[in-house]
C-alpha atoms as a PDB file:
ATOM      1  CA  UNK A   1       7.224 -14.212  10.370  1.00  0.00           C
ATOM      2  CA  UNK A   2       5.385 -13.852  13.740  1.00  0.00           C
ATOM      3  CA  UNK A   3       1.325 -13.359  13.268  1.00  0.00           C
ATOM      4  CA  UNK A   4       1.941 -10.042  15.128  1.00  0.00           C
ATOM      5  CA  UNK A   5       4.596  -8.434  12.973  1.00  0.00           C
ATOM      6  CA  UNK A   6       2.445  -9.155   9.954  1.00  0.00           C
ATOM      7  CA  UNK A   7      -0.674  -7.684  11.544  1.00  0.00           C
ATOM      8  CA  UNK A   8       0.829  -4.502  12.447  1.00  0.00           C
ATOM      9  CA  UNK A   9       1.982  -4.271   9.117  1.00  0.00           C
ATOM     10  CA  UNK A  10      -1.126  -4.514   7.763  1.00  0.00           C
ATOM     11  CA  UNK A  11      -3.164  -2.416  10.442  1.00  0.00           C
ATOM     12  CA  UNK A  12      -1.582   0.374   8.330  1.00  0.00           C
ATOM     13  CA  UNK A  13      -1.826  -1.307   4.787  1.00  0.00           C
ATOM     14  CA  UNK A  14      -5.281   0.011   2.876  1.00  0.00           C
ATOM     15  CA  UNK A  15      -7.851  -1.747   2.526  1.00  0.00           C
ATOM     16  CA  UNK A  16      -6.745  -3.224  -1.209  1.00  0.00           C
ATOM     17  CA  UNK A  17      -3.343  -4.109   0.116  1.00  0.00           C
ATOM     18  CA  UNK A  18      -4.786  -6.169   2.975  1.00  0.00           C
ATOM     19  CA  UNK A  19      -6.932  -8.257   0.449  1.00  0.00           C
ATOM     20  CA  UNK A  20      -4.011  -8.655  -1.778  1.00  0.00           C
ATOM     21  CA  UNK A  21      -2.286 -10.546   1.265  1.00  0.00           C
ATOM     22  CA  UNK A  22      -5.773 -11.914   2.456  1.00  0.00           C
ATOM     23  CA  UNK A  23      -5.850 -13.852  -1.074  1.00  0.00           C
ATOM     24  CA  UNK A  24      -3.113 -16.007  -0.098  1.00  0.00           C
ATOM     25  CA  UNK A  25      -4.574 -17.134   2.908  1.00  0.00           C
ATOM     26  CA  UNK A  26      -6.716 -19.569   4.550  1.00  0.00           C
ATOM     27  CA  UNK A  27     -10.465 -18.256   5.410  1.00  0.00           C
ATOM     28  CA  UNK A  28      -9.316 -18.990   8.705  1.00  0.00           C
ATOM     29  CA  UNK A  29      -6.297 -17.669   8.444  1.00  0.00           C
ATOM     30  CA  UNK A  30      -7.905 -14.650   7.438  1.00  0.00           C
ATOM     31  CA  UNK A  31     -10.111 -14.590  10.198  1.00  0.00           C
ATOM     32  CA  UNK A  32      -7.195 -14.930  12.322  1.00  0.00           C
ATOM     33  CA  UNK A  33      -5.293 -12.326  10.863  1.00  0.00           C
ATOM     34  CA  UNK A  34      -8.449  -9.619  11.411  1.00  0.00           C
ATOM     35  CA  UNK A  35      -8.766 -10.658  15.263  1.00  0.00           C
ATOM     36  CA  UNK A  36      -5.045 -10.312  15.627  1.00  0.00           C
ATOM     37  CA  UNK A  37      -5.000  -6.619  13.699  1.00  0.00           C
ATOM     38  CA  UNK A  38      -8.043  -5.799  15.792  1.00  0.00           C
ATOM     39  CA  UNK A  39      -6.521  -6.877  19.092  1.00  0.00           C
ATOM     40  CA  UNK A  40      -3.133  -4.926  18.578  1.00  0.00           C
ATOM     41  CA  UNK A  41      -5.320  -1.263  18.713  1.00  0.00           C
ATOM     42  CA  UNK A  42      -3.409   1.559  17.937  1.00  0.00           C
ATOM     43  CA  UNK A  43      -0.173   1.401  16.883  1.00  0.00           C
ATOM     44  CA  UNK A  44       2.786   3.744  15.678  1.00  0.00           C
ATOM     45  CA  UNK A  45       2.878   4.123  12.052  1.00  0.00           C
ATOM     46  CA  UNK A  46       6.739   4.033  12.451  1.00  0.00           C
ATOM     47  CA  UNK A  47       6.486   0.615  14.539  1.00  0.00           C
ATOM     48  CA  UNK A  48       3.995   0.090  11.039  1.00  0.00           C
ATOM     49  CA  UNK A  49       6.611   0.775   8.590  1.00  0.00           C
ATOM     50  CA  UNK A  50       9.053  -1.469  10.725  1.00  0.00           C
ATOM     51  CA  UNK A  51       6.681  -3.975  10.194  1.00  0.00           C
ATOM     52  CA  UNK A  52       5.912  -3.502   6.624  1.00  0.00           C
ATOM     53  CA  UNK A  53      10.170  -3.381   5.957  1.00  0.00           C
ATOM     54  CA  UNK A  54      10.707  -6.748   7.876  1.00  0.00           C
ATOM     55  CA  UNK A  55       8.503  -8.502   5.280  1.00  0.00           C
ATOM     56  CA  UNK A  56       9.879  -7.132   2.338  1.00  0.00           C
ATOM     57  CA  UNK A  57      13.351  -7.824   4.003  1.00  0.00           C
ATOM     58  CA  UNK A  58      12.189 -10.997   4.382  1.00  0.00           C
ATOM     59  CA  UNK A  59      10.851 -11.753   0.677  1.00  0.00           C
ATOM     60  CA  UNK A  60      13.758 -10.225  -0.877  1.00  0.00           C
ATOM     61  CA  UNK A  61      15.798 -12.669   0.891  1.00  0.00           C
ATOM     62  CA  UNK A  62      13.264 -15.448  -0.287  1.00  0.00           C
ATOM     63  CA  UNK A  63      14.283 -14.598  -4.111  1.00  0.00           C
ATOM     64  CA  UNK A  64      17.735 -14.375  -3.772  1.00  0.00           C
ATOM     65  CA  UNK A  65      17.711 -17.663  -1.937  1.00  0.00           C
ATOM     66  CA  UNK A  66      15.594 -18.813  -5.293  1.00  0.00           C
ATOM     67  CA  UNK A  67      12.965 -20.161  -2.647  1.00  0.00           C
ATOM     68  CA  UNK A  68      10.278 -17.612  -4.405  1.00  0.00           C
ATOM     69  CA  UNK A  69       9.956 -15.666  -7.471  1.00  0.00           C
ATOM     70  CA  UNK A  70       8.500 -12.270  -7.779  1.00  0.00           C
ATOM     71  CA  UNK A  71       8.402 -12.533 -11.681  1.00  0.00           C
ATOM     72  CA  UNK A  72       8.879 -10.162 -14.134  1.00  0.00           C
ATOM     73  CA  UNK A  73       8.222  -6.447 -12.759  1.00  0.00           C
ATOM     74  CA  UNK A  74       7.936  -4.592 -15.892  1.00  0.00           C
ATOM     75  CA  UNK A  75       3.922  -5.289 -15.600  1.00  0.00           C
ATOM     76  CA  UNK A  76       4.482  -7.560 -18.136  1.00  0.00           C
ATOM     77  CA  UNK A  77       2.619 -11.125 -18.205  1.00  0.00           C
ATOM     78  CA  UNK A  78       3.637 -14.475 -19.475  1.00  0.00           C
ATOM     79  CA  UNK A  79       2.532 -17.843 -20.571  1.00  0.00           C
ATOM     80  CA  UNK A  80       4.644 -20.609 -19.693  1.00  0.00           C
END
């Protein structure tokens, strides 16, 4: 996905959600993403929601294709 779409989605996310996303990125990647968020300036909330929905759709597709595993969503943890 394009970095500007991620930035738009993250612009509307709260701090905890942003940190969760950033934990899965390199330090340089986080810096670049934060710069992109600052550069895009004000953004309509409907555009934020659209960007977030695109990411959700891609994640669901990747899970359906077996390329990623989102794990058990019940909250239970397992040891494999």
